[in-house]
Amino acid sequence: MGNKHSSSVVPHQSCEQRVGVNINHNHSAPVSHISLRYHKSQSSLLKSKISSHDALSCEKPSAPPHNHNPNVTHLYPTLTTYTPLTPSISRQDAEARAYSAFLKSFPEYQSTWILDTLRRTDFARLDRTGETYVDYMGGAQYPESLVRVHSAFLTEAVMGNTHSVSNSSKLSSRYADEARDTVLSFFRAPPGYTVVFTANATAALKLVGEAYPFKSNNGYVLGADSHNSVHGIREYASRRGAEVHYIPSTSTGGFVLSTAKDILSQHRPQNASSLFALTGLSNISNAKNPLSIIGFASSLGYHTLLDAAALAPSSVISLSETPVDAMVVSFYKMFGYPTGVGALIVKESFLEILERPWFAGGTVGVVQVPGSIFTRTSVLHEQFEDGTINFMTLPAVTDGLRFLSVYLPFLPLRLSCLTHYLVTSLSRLRHDSTGTPVVNILSKLPSRRLKSIGEQGDSGSTISLIFLSPSGEMIPNSFIEHVAVTWNISLRTGCMCNPGGAASLLGIQDQMEQLYPGVTLKDFEQVVGRELGVVRISLGLGSNFQDVWKIVMFASSLADSRSRQALWETWTNVPIGQAM
């Protein structure tokens, strides 16, 4: 499934220790130790799901935690996960030859073979269904073990609304607190931070926007290459008289650091604080903005807000090194399950300056009715969690972060190899009739190739492009999406809720300035003269060589005149109303 839009913490422990994860860094034979919760009856179930090359050993805690359901135990499976994915010697097909050549060109890829075993166990459904999923920027694929563990937990645990003192409520509260601690640990947050659980990153951004004390003498600064949920905060700022200032995007997204610093300096807060929102990684341009600018903005007196929804799934973020005032994430983008839960990871001092425009159940202690007097709850994060939090799924957030912390160190290197190979392969494709390029890659390309585990890239693993006809004209994205469906490929087309980034990549900033109130997408496309948007291919935790190879073969089919014409005729005969 994809996005429909196409334990107690001990101070001074390491991140891995605090979330119950230990990583063996012997890269020649990596072994992961993952601590997840599930009922003892699940032991046989999980063993049956582990491939024959994996070993499962368990050890119970010596004593159950305080107020823990006695029917639910924590088991600590040790998974030996080193099994390379290598083509059979007998295979002589094009894919096998391409994979062998790929390994010769990218020998460092072999250091990430732990993720091939993960593909065979937790993401085996991708191969069973034959679906090539390349929309990780839209939503990560969930690991099957995470769903099994959480399902087994729910069949045994009696959970209740956290706004009570019953045993079931206390259990829910305990796991909610554990989830908060795990989030803080995962992002290496120093003391002074807390977690507000929200529906998603968008809800977390809205919470900040509606409560930030915008006034006529302060402002809101943001990058043009940002998600609509970041742009939307400008409505709150404008309505309260604050000025809105944009940092322009480059032709490949992101911004020039010196330009960003100049704009921040020109509009630095004088007698009141202002808000600076930074997009960590663009969801369309693949540009990764330098987090160092957060410190610069803070030194000028800005409050800082980091949209890390696209950055967190594949990058290490340390709030100790980058002490932003507030950061937002969506957990389904990080590890696929559960959906409907996000977080505002925020300094308590920043929460204290926010001015909530209303109150709701769970956020107050006393309310005068009739009347106008109310007192907010004394627990700071609860003042911002409207109603009842999604307490049934928070244990899965804890386990998902533990799961991701094991594999995250290997991910940037793996994605670097796959992205470089895919970019190079697509760029070489030529139409058989004219010799002209098949694609035009618009997004930012990585400036360097990672060579070892632990390195962090200067861009993401997203490729935004358009397909070209033999004459060099853009082929409609709706046709490309139609063909992708016939190939069982899940990709994304459009502007990705990032109009500023899309305009920069497509070079239509001038047309953007001509927009008027009430304009529709159809109106805008008539001005531009073609369909708007790009084709986005984004890789993630479950991606492997076979995925990128299939994308190359899919694109190659459009380089062949006869094949492309047959596909076009099929597409133009699709009945009106059928999904394309």
Protein backbone atom coordinates (compact mmCIF):
# COMPACT_ATOMS: atom_id res chain seq x y z
CA MET A 1 0.00 0.00 0.00
CA GLY A 2 1.17 3.54 -0.71
CA ASN A 3 0.27 7.12 0.10
CA LYS A 4 -3.27 7.82 -1.03
CA HIS A 5 -2.12 11.14 -2.48
CA SER A 6 -0.77 9.16 -5.35
CA SER A 7 10.98 0.87 27.93
CA SER A 8 12.17 3.46 30.45
CA VAL A 9 15.08 5.66 29.47
CA VAL A 10 18.30 5.75 31.46
CA PRO A 11 20.25 9.03 31.21
CA HIS A 12 23.60 9.17 29.44
CA GLN A 13 23.04 5.99 27.43
CA SER A 14 23.63 5.82 23.72
CA CYS A 15 20.75 6.00 21.30
CA GLU A 16 20.97 2.27 20.59
CA GLN A 17 20.98 1.38 24.28
CA ARG A 18 18.07 3.69 25.10
CA VAL A 19 15.78 2.18 22.48
CA GLY A 20 16.85 -1.38 23.18
CA VAL A 21 19.00 -1.90 20.11
CA ASN A 22 22.53 -3.16 19.83
CA ILE A 23 24.34 -3.11 16.52
CA ASN A 24 27.29 -5.32 15.66
CA HIS A 25 29.38 -3.17 13.31
CA ASN A 26 31.38 -5.99 11.81
CA HIS A 27 30.58 -5.02 8.25
CA SER A 28 31.84 -8.23 6.76
CA ALA A 29 29.17 -10.16 8.63
CA PRO A 30 26.68 -7.75 10.18
CA VAL A 31 24.36 -9.02 12.87
CA SER A 32 21.48 -7.02 14.31
CA HIS A 33 19.85 -7.39 17.71
CA ILE A 34 16.35 -5.98 17.72
CA SER A 35 14.28 -5.63 20.87
CA LEU A 36 10.57 -5.74 20.07
CA ARG A 37 7.53 -6.60 22.16
CA TYR A 38 5.31 -9.56 21.45
CA HIS A 39 3.52 -12.30 23.34
CA LYS A 40 5.31 -15.55 24.04
CA SER A 41 2.76 -17.38 21.90
CA GLN A 42 4.15 -15.49 18.91
CA SER A 43 7.51 -17.24 19.12
CA SER A 44 6.48 -20.05 16.80
CA LEU A 45 4.78 -17.61 14.46
CA LEU A 46 7.84 -15.44 14.10
CA LYS A 47 10.10 -18.46 13.70
CA SER A 48 7.95 -19.64 10.84
CA LYS A 49 8.33 -16.26 9.16
CA ILE A 50 12.12 -16.15 9.40
CA SER A 51 13.99 -17.59 6.45
CA SER A 52 16.04 -20.75 6.95
CA HIS A 53 19.28 -18.78 6.90
CA ASP A 54 18.19 -16.70 9.91
CA ALA A 55 18.50 -17.80 13.52
CA LEU A 56 16.09 -16.71 16.24
CA SER A 57 17.07 -16.87 19.89
CA CYS A 58 15.13 -15.36 22.77
CA GLU A 59 15.78 -14.20 26.29
CA LYS A 60 13.11 -12.88 28.65
CA PRO A 61 13.75 -9.98 30.98
CA SER A 62 14.56 -11.09 34.50
CA ALA A 63 11.62 -9.16 35.91
CA PRO A 64 8.65 -7.44 34.30
CA PRO A 65 8.53 -3.63 34.37
CA HIS A 66 6.31 -1.89 36.90
CA ASN A 67 2.62 -1.80 35.97
CA HIS A 68 3.27 -4.11 33.03
CA ASN A 69 0.59 -6.47 31.79
CA PRO A 70 1.71 -9.91 33.03
CA ASN A 71 0.34 -11.54 29.90
CA VAL A 72 2.60 -9.47 27.67
CA THR A 73 6.32 -10.09 27.70
CA HIS A 74 9.27 -8.52 25.93
CA LEU A 75 11.27 -10.96 23.86
CA TYR A 76 14.68 -10.12 22.49
CA PRO A 77 15.20 -11.92 19.17
CA THR A 78 18.68 -12.06 17.73
CA LEU A 79 18.54 -12.14 13.95
CA THR A 80 21.60 -13.21 12.03
CA THR A 81 20.95 -11.23 8.91
CA TYR A 82 23.98 -11.56 6.67
CA THR A 83 23.01 -13.33 3.48
CA PRO A 84 24.08 -11.74 0.19
CA LEU A 85 21.64 -11.56 -2.67
CA THR A 86 23.61 -12.92 -5.60
CA PRO A 87 22.32 -14.14 -8.95
CA SER A 88 22.70 -17.79 -9.74
CA ILE A 89 25.83 -18.71 -11.63
CA SER A 90 23.62 -20.45 -14.16
CA ARG A 91 21.69 -17.28 -14.90
CA GLN A 92 22.90 -15.54 -18.00
CA ASP A 93 20.01 -13.16 -18.58
CA ALA A 94 20.40 -9.44 -18.95
CA GLU A 95 19.44 -8.68 -15.35
CA ALA A 96 22.03 -11.09 -13.93
CA ARG A 97 24.73 -9.65 -16.14
CA ALA A 98 23.70 -6.13 -15.20
CA TYR A 99 23.79 -6.98 -11.50
CA SER A 100 27.29 -8.46 -11.82
CA ALA A 101 28.45 -5.34 -13.63
CA PHE A 102 26.76 -3.18 -10.98
CA LEU A 103 28.68 -4.93 -8.19
CA LYS A 104 31.94 -4.38 -10.03
CA SER A 105 31.18 -0.69 -10.37
CA PHE A 106 29.80 -0.33 -6.83
CA PRO A 107 31.68 -2.86 -4.66
CA GLU A 108 30.68 -0.89 -1.55
CA TYR A 109 27.10 -2.04 -2.14
CA GLN A 110 28.12 -5.42 -0.75
CA SER A 111 28.50 -3.82 2.69
CA THR A 112 24.73 -3.31 2.73
CA TRP A 113 23.70 -6.92 2.07
CA ILE A 114 22.02 -6.97 5.48
CA LEU A 115 19.23 -5.06 3.71
CA ASP A 116 18.88 -7.79 1.08
CA THR A 117 17.95 -10.22 3.84
CA LEU A 118 15.51 -7.64 5.15
CA ARG A 119 13.96 -7.50 1.68
CA ARG A 120 13.50 -11.28 1.69
CA THR A 121 11.92 -11.36 5.15
CA ASP A 122 10.10 -8.15 5.97
CA PHE A 123 9.39 -6.98 2.43
CA ALA A 124 8.90 -10.34 0.72
CA ARG A 125 5.43 -9.26 -0.41
CA LEU A 126 7.04 -6.92 -2.95
CA ASP A 127 8.51 -9.89 -4.79
CA ARG A 128 5.44 -12.08 -4.25
CA THR A 129 3.17 -9.50 -5.84
CA GLY A 130 5.66 -8.43 -8.49
CA GLU A 131 5.15 -4.78 -7.57
CA THR A 132 8.10 -2.43 -7.92
CA TYR A 133 7.57 0.23 -5.29
CA VAL A 134 9.48 3.46 -5.86
CA ASP A 135 7.37 5.99 -3.95
CA TYR A 136 9.16 5.94 -0.60
CA MET A 137 8.98 9.72 -0.45
CA GLY A 138 5.20 9.34 -0.44
CA GLY A 139 5.23 6.64 2.22
CA ALA A 140 7.57 3.89 3.38
CA GLN A 141 6.68 0.23 3.07
CA TYR A 142 6.01 -1.33 6.48
CA PRO A 143 8.16 -4.24 7.71
CA GLU A 144 5.93 -7.29 8.13
CA SER A 145 7.50 -8.20 11.48
CA LEU A 146 6.48 -4.82 12.93
CA VAL A 147 2.84 -5.45 12.04
CA ARG A 148 2.94 -9.03 13.39
CA VAL A 149 4.53 -7.93 16.65
CA HIS A 150 2.05 -5.11 17.16
CA SER A 151 -0.91 -7.29 16.25
CA ALA A 152 0.16 -9.93 18.75
CA PHE A 153 0.66 -7.26 21.39
CA LEU A 154 -2.86 -5.92 20.88
CA THR A 155 -4.42 -9.37 21.20
CA GLU A 156 -3.05 -9.65 24.74
CA ALA A 157 -2.87 -6.09 26.09
CA VAL A 158 -5.91 -4.34 27.56
CA MET A 159 -5.46 -0.71 26.60
CA GLY A 160 -7.67 2.17 27.72
CA ASN A 161 -8.07 5.91 27.22
CA THR A 162 -5.09 7.70 28.72
CA HIS A 163 -7.34 10.29 30.40
CA SER A 164 -8.06 8.03 33.38
CA VAL A 165 -6.34 6.13 36.19
CA SER A 166 -7.65 2.61 35.52
CA ASN A 167 -5.21 -0.24 34.94
CA SER A 168 -5.88 -0.16 31.21
CA SER A 169 -5.35 3.62 31.16
CA LYS A 170 -2.13 3.35 33.10
CA LEU A 171 -0.86 0.76 30.64
CA SER A 172 -1.66 3.03 27.71
CA SER A 173 0.02 5.96 29.45
CA ARG A 174 3.08 3.87 30.16
CA TYR A 175 3.48 2.95 26.49
CA ALA A 176 2.82 6.54 25.43
CA ASP A 177 5.61 7.70 27.74
CA GLU A 178 7.86 4.97 26.39
CA ALA A 179 7.14 6.14 22.85
CA ARG A 180 8.01 9.75 23.78
CA ASP A 181 11.27 8.62 25.35
CA THR A 182 12.11 6.52 22.30
CA VAL A 183 11.44 9.40 19.90
CA LEU A 184 13.70 11.69 21.95
CA SER A 185 16.38 9.05 22.06
CA PHE A 186 16.18 8.26 18.34
CA PHE A 187 16.72 11.91 17.46
CA ARG A 188 19.35 12.32 20.19
CA ALA A 189 17.50 15.12 21.89
CA PRO A 190 19.21 16.73 24.92
CA PRO A 191 17.27 17.60 28.08
CA GLY A 192 14.67 20.28 27.57
CA TYR A 193 12.87 18.65 24.63
CA THR A 194 9.49 16.96 24.70
CA VAL A 195 7.24 15.23 22.17
CA VAL A 196 3.73 16.22 21.15
CA PHE A 197 2.00 13.44 19.23
CA THR A 198 -0.07 14.59 16.25
CA ALA A 199 -1.84 13.00 13.31
CA ASN A 200 1.12 13.63 10.99
CA ALA A 201 3.80 16.19 10.16
CA THR A 202 1.22 18.49 8.59
CA ALA A 203 -0.79 18.58 11.83
CA ALA A 204 2.39 19.36 13.76
CA LEU A 205 3.19 22.27 11.41
CA LYS A 206 -0.36 23.57 11.72
CA LEU A 207 -0.10 23.43 15.51
CA VAL A 208 2.98 25.67 15.39
CA GLY A 209 1.48 28.02 12.80
CA GLU A 210 -1.78 28.64 14.61
CA ALA A 211 -0.13 29.20 17.98
CA TYR A 212 3.01 31.14 17.07
CA PRO A 213 2.76 34.78 18.29
CA PHE A 214 2.91 36.44 14.88
CA LYS A 215 2.49 40.22 15.05
CA SER A 216 2.85 43.22 12.79
CA ASN A 217 6.45 43.76 13.89
CA ASN A 218 7.75 40.26 13.20
CA GLY A 219 7.86 37.88 10.25
CA TYR A 220 7.93 34.42 8.75
CA VAL A 221 10.85 33.32 6.54
CA LEU A 222 10.82 30.11 4.52
CA GLY A 223 12.26 28.55 1.39
CA ALA A 224 10.32 28.48 -1.89
CA ASP A 225 11.18 24.78 -2.24
CA SER A 226 8.96 23.64 0.64
CA HIS A 227 5.91 21.49 1.18
CA ASN A 228 2.48 23.13 1.09
CA SER A 229 2.13 22.46 4.81
CA VAL A 230 5.08 24.80 5.39
CA HIS A 231 3.69 27.38 2.97
CA GLY A 232 0.34 27.22 4.75
CA ILE A 233 1.77 28.79 7.90
CA ARG A 234 2.00 32.05 5.96
CA GLU A 235 -1.79 32.35 6.27
CA TYR A 236 -1.54 32.61 10.05
CA ALA A 237 1.35 35.05 9.75
CA SER A 238 -0.37 37.31 7.21
CA ARG A 239 -3.67 37.44 9.08
CA ARG A 240 -1.85 38.72 12.15
CA GLY A 241 0.05 41.37 10.20
CA ALA A 242 3.44 39.64 10.04
CA GLU A 243 5.56 39.87 6.91
CA VAL A 244 6.32 36.77 4.83
CA HIS A 245 9.68 36.49 3.09
CA TYR A 246 10.77 33.74 0.70
CA ILE A 247 14.25 32.38 0.05
CA PRO A 248 14.32 31.68 -3.72
CA SER A 249 14.99 28.21 -5.05
CA THR A 250 17.76 27.31 -7.44
CA SER A 251 16.94 25.64 -10.76
CA THR A 252 17.55 22.25 -9.12
CA GLY A 253 15.81 23.09 -5.85
CA GLY A 254 17.03 24.07 -2.42
CA PHE A 255 18.70 27.42 -1.96
CA VAL A 256 22.08 29.08 -2.09
CA LEU A 257 23.36 29.30 1.48
CA SER A 258 24.72 32.82 1.13
CA THR A 259 21.41 34.02 -0.30
CA ALA A 260 19.50 32.45 2.56
CA LYS A 261 21.78 34.12 5.09
CA ASP A 262 21.36 37.49 3.39
CA ILE A 263 17.56 37.27 3.50
CA LEU A 264 17.57 36.17 7.12
CA SER A 265 19.89 39.03 7.99
CA GLN A 266 17.83 41.61 6.08
CA HIS A 267 14.70 40.66 8.00
CA ARG A 268 16.24 39.79 11.34
CA PRO A 269 13.92 40.24 14.33
CA GLN A 270 14.11 43.64 15.98
CA ASN A 271 11.68 44.09 18.85
CA ALA A 272 9.88 40.77 18.48
CA SER A 273 10.82 37.24 17.54
CA SER A 274 10.25 35.84 14.05
CA LEU A 275 9.92 32.29 12.73
CA PHE A 276 12.23 30.61 10.23
CA ALA A 277 11.05 27.31 8.70
CA LEU A 278 13.62 25.06 7.04
CA THR A 279 12.90 22.12 4.77
CA GLY A 280 15.51 19.50 5.60
CA LEU A 281 15.10 17.58 2.34
CA SER A 282 12.87 18.57 -0.57
CA ASN A 283 10.30 15.96 -1.52
CA ILE A 284 10.56 16.88 -5.20
CA SER A 285 13.94 18.44 -5.96
CA ASN A 286 16.05 16.06 -3.81
CA ALA A 287 17.90 19.07 -2.41
CA LYS A 288 19.16 18.65 1.14
CA ASN A 289 19.51 22.04 2.80
CA PRO A 290 22.39 22.56 5.25
CA LEU A 291 21.18 22.24 8.84
CA SER A 292 23.92 24.64 9.88
CA ILE A 293 21.70 27.54 8.86
CA ILE A 294 19.49 26.79 11.86
CA GLY A 295 22.26 27.92 14.17
CA PHE A 296 22.79 31.03 12.06
CA ALA A 297 19.10 31.93 12.21
CA SER A 298 19.02 31.34 15.95
CA SER A 299 21.96 33.69 16.41
CA LEU A 300 19.92 36.42 14.71
CA GLY A 301 17.02 35.93 17.10
CA TYR A 302 14.75 33.69 15.02
CA HIS A 303 12.78 30.80 16.36
CA THR A 304 13.50 27.81 14.13
CA LEU A 305 11.25 25.09 12.72
CA LEU A 306 12.55 22.06 10.81
CA ASP A 307 10.35 20.07 8.45
CA ALA A 308 12.10 16.69 8.68
CA ALA A 309 9.31 14.58 7.17
CA ALA A 310 11.38 13.77 4.07
CA LEU A 311 14.76 13.87 5.81
CA ALA A 312 14.21 11.54 8.77
CA PRO A 313 13.57 8.24 6.88
CA SER A 314 17.12 7.98 5.53
CA SER A 315 19.27 10.46 7.46
CA VAL A 316 20.68 10.63 10.96
CA ILE A 317 19.33 13.70 12.79
CA SER A 318 20.88 14.76 16.09
CA LEU A 319 19.07 17.47 18.01
CA SER A 320 22.12 17.69 20.25
CA GLU A 321 24.14 18.87 17.25
CA THR A 322 21.29 20.82 15.63
CA PRO A 323 19.18 22.21 18.50
CA VAL A 324 16.24 23.47 16.44
CA ASP A 325 13.32 24.86 18.43
CA ALA A 326 10.81 22.50 16.83
CA MET A 327 10.93 19.62 14.35
CA VAL A 328 8.11 17.68 12.68
CA VAL A 329 8.01 14.09 11.39
CA SER A 330 5.49 11.53 10.14
CA PHE A 331 6.25 7.98 11.24
CA TYR A 332 4.64 6.27 8.22
CA LYS A 333 7.25 7.99 6.07
CA MET A 334 9.99 6.51 8.25
CA PHE A 335 8.88 2.88 8.62
CA GLY A 336 5.47 2.57 6.98
CA TYR A 337 3.32 1.64 9.97
CA PRO A 338 1.36 3.04 11.67
CA THR A 339 -0.20 5.76 9.57
CA GLY A 340 -2.04 8.55 11.32
CA VAL A 341 0.71 9.32 13.84
CA GLY A 342 3.27 12.10 13.64
CA ALA A 343 5.16 14.18 16.15
CA LEU A 344 6.31 17.64 17.05
CA ILE A 345 9.68 17.22 18.74
CA VAL A 346 10.05 20.53 20.48
CA LYS A 347 11.88 22.52 23.11
CA GLU A 348 9.72 23.03 26.17
CA SER A 349 10.82 26.68 26.20
CA PHE A 350 9.37 27.08 22.68
CA LEU A 351 6.05 25.50 23.67
CA GLU A 352 5.76 28.00 26.49
CA ILE A 353 5.70 30.98 24.09
CA LEU A 354 3.01 29.50 21.85
CA GLU A 355 -0.50 30.90 22.20
CA ARG A 356 -3.11 28.25 21.50
CA PRO A 357 -6.27 29.74 19.95
CA TRP A 358 -8.56 27.27 21.67
CA PHE A 359 -8.74 24.41 24.15
CA ALA A 360 -10.11 20.89 23.89
CA GLY A 361 -10.53 17.71 25.84
CA GLY A 362 -7.26 16.58 27.36
CA THR A 363 -5.62 20.01 27.20
CA VAL A 364 -7.30 21.62 30.22
CA GLY A 365 -7.73 20.98 33.92
CA VAL A 366 -10.64 23.30 34.77
CA VAL A 367 -13.23 24.96 32.54
CA GLN A 368 -15.88 27.40 33.75
CA VAL A 369 -19.27 26.75 32.10
CA PRO A 370 -21.01 29.09 31.53
CA GLY A 371 -18.19 31.58 31.62
CA SER A 372 -14.77 32.29 30.10
CA ILE A 373 -12.31 30.94 32.66
CA PHE A 374 -10.22 27.85 32.00
CA THR A 375 -6.93 26.45 33.24
CA ARG A 376 -4.70 24.36 31.00
CA THR A 377 -3.34 21.04 32.22
CA SER A 378 -0.05 21.23 34.11
CA VAL A 379 1.70 18.73 31.80
CA LEU A 380 3.16 20.85 29.01
CA HIS A 381 2.93 18.44 26.09
CA GLU A 382 -0.66 17.56 26.99
CA GLN A 383 -1.64 21.20 26.45
CA PHE A 384 -1.01 20.63 22.73
CA GLU A 385 -2.49 17.15 22.28
CA ASP A 386 -6.12 17.80 21.44
CA GLY A 387 -8.46 15.05 22.55
CA THR A 388 -7.19 11.50 22.92
CA ILE A 389 -3.87 10.58 21.36
CA ASN A 390 -3.62 7.51 19.15
CA PHE A 391 -2.57 5.38 22.12
CA MET A 392 -3.28 2.02 20.45
CA THR A 393 -0.55 2.57 17.85
CA LEU A 394 2.13 4.24 19.95
CA PRO A 395 3.75 0.91 20.94
CA ALA A 396 4.29 0.33 17.21
CA VAL A 397 6.06 3.69 16.98
CA THR A 398 8.47 2.54 19.68
CA ASP A 399 9.15 -0.72 17.89
CA GLY A 400 9.37 0.96 14.50
CA LEU A 401 12.07 3.32 15.72
CA ARG A 402 13.98 0.43 17.25
CA PHE A 403 13.68 -1.42 13.97
CA LEU A 404 14.85 1.54 11.88
CA SER A 405 17.78 2.31 14.18
CA VAL A 406 19.29 -1.06 13.30
CA TYR A 407 19.21 -0.55 9.55
CA LEU A 408 19.55 3.22 9.21
CA PRO A 409 23.38 3.18 9.34
CA PHE A 410 23.46 1.04 6.17
CA LEU A 411 20.81 2.95 4.24
CA PRO A 412 22.62 6.07 2.92
CA LEU A 413 25.38 3.97 1.36
CA ARG A 414 22.93 1.59 -0.27
CA LEU A 415 20.76 4.38 -1.63
CA SER A 416 23.82 6.22 -2.90
CA CYS A 417 24.82 3.20 -5.00
CA LEU A 418 21.33 2.64 -6.37
CA THR A 419 20.70 6.32 -7.09
CA HIS A 420 24.00 6.80 -8.93
CA TYR A 421 23.36 3.70 -11.02
CA LEU A 422 19.82 4.74 -11.86
CA VAL A 423 20.77 8.31 -12.79
CA THR A 424 23.60 7.11 -15.01
CA SER A 425 21.49 4.43 -16.71
CA LEU A 426 18.53 6.71 -17.38
CA SER A 427 20.75 9.51 -18.69
CA ARG A 428 22.26 7.17 -21.27
CA LEU A 429 18.94 6.13 -22.82
CA ARG A 430 18.34 7.37 -26.36
CA HIS A 431 15.40 7.11 -28.75
CA ASP A 432 15.99 4.53 -31.47
CA SER A 433 14.68 6.83 -34.20
CA THR A 434 16.47 10.09 -33.43
CA GLY A 435 19.18 9.35 -30.90
CA THR A 436 17.78 12.03 -28.60
CA PRO A 437 17.49 11.59 -24.80
CA VAL A 438 14.53 9.68 -23.41
CA VAL A 439 14.45 11.54 -20.10
CA ASN A 440 15.45 14.89 -18.68
CA ILE A 441 16.43 14.64 -15.03
CA LEU A 442 15.50 17.89 -13.30
CA SER A 443 16.18 17.22 -9.62
CA LYS A 444 19.44 17.78 -7.79
CA LEU A 445 22.03 15.09 -8.34
CA PRO A 446 24.40 13.97 -5.60
CA SER A 447 27.73 15.71 -5.85
CA ARG A 448 29.64 12.78 -4.43
CA ARG A 449 29.34 9.04 -4.11
CA LEU A 450 29.33 7.53 -0.65
CA LYS A 451 31.93 4.82 -0.07
CA SER A 452 31.41 3.54 3.48
CA ILE A 453 28.76 2.85 6.07
CA GLY A 454 27.99 5.83 8.27
CA GLU A 455 28.56 8.52 5.65
CA GLN A 456 25.76 10.98 4.99
CA GLY A 457 24.97 12.26 1.50
CA ASP A 458 24.46 15.87 0.41
CA SER A 459 21.17 14.98 -1.29
CA GLY A 460 18.45 12.38 -1.04
CA SER A 461 17.52 9.37 -3.16
CA THR A 462 14.73 10.95 -5.21
CA ILE A 463 14.85 11.45 -8.96
CA SER A 464 12.37 13.88 -10.51
CA LEU A 465 12.30 13.86 -14.29
CA ILE A 466 10.19 14.24 -17.37
CA PHE A 467 10.05 11.85 -20.32
CA LEU A 468 10.75 13.26 -23.78
CA SER A 469 9.46 12.34 -27.19
CA PRO A 470 11.91 11.77 -30.07
CA SER A 471 11.38 15.42 -31.03
CA GLY A 472 12.27 16.59 -27.53
CA GLU A 473 8.78 17.50 -26.36
CA MET A 474 7.50 16.46 -22.94
CA ILE A 475 5.45 13.26 -22.94
CA PRO A 476 2.34 13.67 -20.72
CA ASN A 477 2.90 12.46 -17.18
CA SER A 478 -0.51 10.79 -17.24
CA PHE A 479 0.70 8.56 -20.08
CA ILE A 480 3.87 7.69 -18.17
CA GLU A 481 1.80 6.79 -15.12
CA HIS A 482 -0.46 4.61 -17.26
CA VAL A 483 2.53 2.71 -18.65
CA ALA A 484 4.02 2.35 -15.16
CA VAL A 485 0.81 0.70 -13.97
CA THR A 486 1.04 -1.86 -16.76
CA TRP A 487 4.58 -2.61 -15.60
CA ASN A 488 3.42 -2.99 -11.97
CA ILE A 489 5.49 0.02 -10.95
CA SER A 490 4.31 2.34 -8.17
CA LEU A 491 5.73 5.79 -8.79
CA ARG A 492 4.35 9.30 -8.44
CA THR A 493 3.57 12.13 -10.86
CA GLY A 494 2.57 15.71 -10.27
CA CYS A 495 3.90 18.62 -8.22
CA MET A 496 4.14 16.61 -4.96
CA CYS A 497 2.42 19.34 -2.87
CA ASN A 498 5.52 21.44 -3.47
CA PRO A 499 4.60 24.14 -6.02
CA GLY A 500 7.72 26.20 -5.41
CA GLY A 501 10.08 23.30 -5.97
CA ALA A 502 8.12 22.13 -9.00
CA ALA A 503 8.12 25.61 -10.55
CA SER A 504 11.89 25.83 -10.14
CA LEU A 505 12.54 22.44 -11.72
CA LEU A 506 10.16 23.11 -14.61
CA GLY A 507 11.31 26.71 -15.12
CA ILE A 508 7.82 28.22 -14.80
CA GLN A 509 8.42 30.81 -12.08
CA ASP A 510 7.29 33.60 -14.43
CA GLN A 511 4.01 31.84 -15.13
CA MET A 512 3.59 31.30 -11.39
CA GLU A 513 3.63 35.08 -10.93
CA GLN A 514 0.68 35.40 -13.30
CA LEU A 515 -1.68 33.38 -11.10
CA TYR A 516 -4.84 35.09 -9.88
CA PRO A 517 -7.41 34.41 -7.16
CA GLY A 518 -9.59 31.42 -7.98
CA VAL A 519 -7.20 29.97 -10.56
CA THR A 520 -7.53 26.22 -11.13
CA LEU A 521 -4.92 23.65 -12.09
CA LYS A 522 -6.53 23.40 -15.52
CA ASP A 523 -6.20 27.18 -15.94
CA PHE A 524 -2.54 27.04 -14.95
CA GLU A 525 -1.82 24.19 -17.37
CA GLN A 526 -3.41 26.19 -20.20
CA VAL A 527 -1.04 29.07 -19.45
CA VAL A 528 1.99 26.76 -19.40
CA GLY A 529 0.79 24.76 -22.41
CA ARG A 530 1.29 21.27 -21.01
CA GLU A 531 0.61 19.04 -18.06
CA LEU A 532 2.26 20.31 -14.92
CA GLY A 533 4.48 18.23 -12.70
CA VAL A 534 7.21 15.65 -12.91
CA VAL A 535 7.66 11.91 -12.65
CA ARG A 536 9.13 11.11 -9.24
CA ILE A 537 11.08 7.97 -8.44
CA SER A 538 12.11 7.69 -4.80
CA LEU A 539 14.03 4.85 -3.15
CA GLY A 540 13.99 3.69 0.45
CA LEU A 541 14.59 0.97 3.01
CA GLY A 542 13.16 -1.86 0.92
CA SER A 543 14.79 -0.89 -2.37
CA ASN A 544 17.25 -3.17 -4.14
CA PHE A 545 18.99 -3.54 -7.50
CA GLN A 546 16.06 -5.37 -9.05
CA ASP A 547 13.88 -2.31 -8.46
CA VAL A 548 16.16 0.13 -10.26
CA TRP A 549 16.79 -2.40 -13.03
CA LYS A 550 13.06 -2.61 -13.68
CA ILE A 551 12.82 1.19 -13.82
CA VAL A 552 15.57 1.24 -16.43
CA MET A 553 13.79 -1.44 -18.47
CA PHE A 554 10.51 0.47 -18.16
CA ALA A 555 12.16 3.65 -19.44
CA SER A 556 13.90 1.70 -22.19
CA SER A 557 10.54 0.53 -23.50
CA LEU A 558 9.68 4.16 -24.20
CA ALA A 559 12.85 4.55 -26.27
CA ASP A 560 11.59 1.96 -28.74
CA SER A 561 9.31 3.57 -31.32
CA ARG A 562 7.16 0.51 -31.96
CA SER A 563 6.70 -0.29 -28.29
CA ARG A 564 5.94 3.32 -27.39
CA GLN A 565 3.37 3.66 -30.19
CA ALA A 566 1.54 0.52 -29.07
CA LEU A 567 1.41 1.82 -25.51
CA TRP A 568 0.18 5.20 -26.71
CA GLU A 569 -2.64 3.65 -28.70
CA THR A 570 -3.70 1.61 -25.70
CA TRP A 571 -3.64 4.70 -23.48
CA THR A 572 -5.67 6.88 -25.84
CA ASN A 573 -8.34 4.18 -25.95
CA VAL A 574 -8.74 4.04 -22.17
CA PRO A 575 -12.38 4.89 -21.35
CA ILE A 576 -13.07 8.24 -19.70
CA GLY A 577 -13.21 7.84 -15.93
CA GLN A 578 -10.77 4.95 -15.73
CA ALA A 579 -7.69 5.68 -13.65
CA MET A 580 -4.61 6.53 -15.69
